[in-house]
């Protein structure tokens, strides 16, 4: 029995570490995407792009974890809102 508990505890640690690591990787990928969008998108692209919703989800996840949202992501979401895109953030 004690071995089962230690195995489960080790698995819990690995699972929680992967979740944080995954969020870091998502941020590493989302920030350059936001920069690209800021430099390349026209108004109609801001309104129609599925990447805008993905950036909003990244921002929401970061905020929920108490992590500062990188400024390019915030700027991209602001630009999308200004172009008339409804953003799913509270």
Protein backbone atom coordinates (compact mmCIF):
# COMPACT_ATOMS: atom_id res chain seq x y z
CA UNK A 1 0.00 0.00 0.00
CA UNK A 2 2.64 2.65 0.82
CA UNK A 3 4.23 2.08 -2.60
CA UNK A 4 0.88 2.74 -4.26
CA UNK A 5 0.55 6.06 -2.44
CA UNK A 6 4.07 7.17 -3.36
CA UNK A 7 3.46 6.18 -6.97
CA UNK A 8 0.24 8.18 -7.00
CA UNK A 9 1.96 11.15 -5.36
CA UNK A 10 4.71 11.03 -7.99
CA UNK A 11 2.10 10.89 -10.75
CA UNK A 12 0.28 13.89 -9.24
CA UNK A 13 3.53 15.89 -9.23
CA UNK A 14 4.24 14.99 -12.86
CA UNK A 15 0.68 15.89 -13.89
CA UNK A 16 0.80 19.30 -12.20
CA UNK A 17 4.25 20.06 -13.61
CA UNK A 18 3.05 19.22 -17.10
CA UNK A 19 0.10 21.57 -16.78
CA UNK A 20 2.32 24.51 -15.82
CA UNK A 21 4.87 23.60 -18.48
CA UNK A 22 2.13 23.33 -21.09
CA UNK A 23 0.84 26.78 -20.20
CA UNK A 24 4.36 28.19 -20.53
CA UNK A 25 4.69 26.62 -23.99
CA UNK A 26 1.31 27.97 -25.04
CA UNK A 27 2.48 31.43 -23.99
CA UNK A 28 5.78 31.02 -25.84
CA UNK A 29 3.81 30.21 -29.00
CA UNK A 30 0.99 32.72 -28.55
CA UNK A 31 3.18 35.77 -28.06
CA UNK A 32 4.90 35.59 -31.48
CA UNK A 33 1.53 34.80 -33.08
CA UNK A 34 0.13 37.99 -31.55
CA UNK A 35 3.13 39.98 -32.85
CA UNK A 36 2.63 38.55 -36.32
CA UNK A 37 -1.06 39.40 -36.25
CA UNK A 38 -0.33 42.96 -35.12
CA UNK A 39 2.02 43.47 -38.05
CA UNK A 40 0.01 41.72 -40.74
CA UNK A 41 -3.75 41.68 -40.11
CA UNK A 42 -6.25 44.07 -41.69
CA UNK A 43 -9.55 44.97 -39.97
CA UNK A 44 -11.56 42.22 -41.66
CA UNK A 45 -8.95 39.64 -40.66
CA UNK A 46 -9.27 40.69 -37.02
CA UNK A 47 -13.02 40.13 -37.20
CA UNK A 48 -12.83 36.71 -38.90
CA UNK A 49 -9.68 35.04 -37.55
CA UNK A 50 -10.04 32.01 -35.26
CA UNK A 51 -6.63 32.92 -33.80
CA UNK A 52 -8.22 35.86 -31.99
CA UNK A 53 -10.36 33.49 -29.90
CA UNK A 54 -7.30 31.32 -29.24
CA UNK A 55 -5.41 34.37 -27.94
CA UNK A 56 -8.39 35.27 -25.75
CA UNK A 57 -8.31 31.78 -24.26
CA UNK A 58 -4.60 32.02 -23.58
CA UNK A 59 -5.12 35.38 -21.87
CA UNK A 60 -7.95 33.95 -19.76
CA UNK A 61 -5.84 30.95 -18.70
CA UNK A 62 -2.93 33.18 -17.74
CA UNK A 63 -5.15 35.53 -15.76
CA UNK A 64 -6.80 32.59 -13.99
CA UNK A 65 -3.37 31.37 -12.88
CA UNK A 66 -2.33 34.85 -11.77
CA UNK A 67 0.26 35.16 -14.53
CA UNK A 68 0.73 38.48 -16.31
CA UNK A 69 -0.55 38.41 -19.89
CA UNK A 70 2.22 39.47 -22.31
CA UNK A 71 1.59 42.88 -23.83
CA UNK A 72 1.53 41.69 -27.48
CA UNK A 73 -1.38 39.38 -26.64
CA UNK A 74 -3.26 42.18 -24.88
CA UNK A 75 -2.55 44.56 -27.76
CA UNK A 76 -3.80 42.01 -30.31
CA UNK A 77 -7.02 41.51 -28.34
CA UNK A 78 -7.50 45.28 -28.08
CA UNK A 79 -6.96 45.65 -31.82
CA UNK A 80 -9.48 42.89 -32.52
CA UNK A 81 -12.05 44.57 -30.27
CA UNK A 82 -11.46 47.91 -32.02
CA UNK A 83 -12.05 46.18 -35.38
CA UNK A 84 -15.44 45.02 -34.14
CA UNK A 85 -14.59 41.51 -33.01
CA UNK A 86 -16.43 40.41 -29.86
CA UNK A 87 -13.90 38.95 -27.44
CA UNK A 88 -14.90 36.29 -24.92
CA UNK A 89 -13.15 37.84 -21.92
CA UNK A 90 -14.83 39.14 -18.81
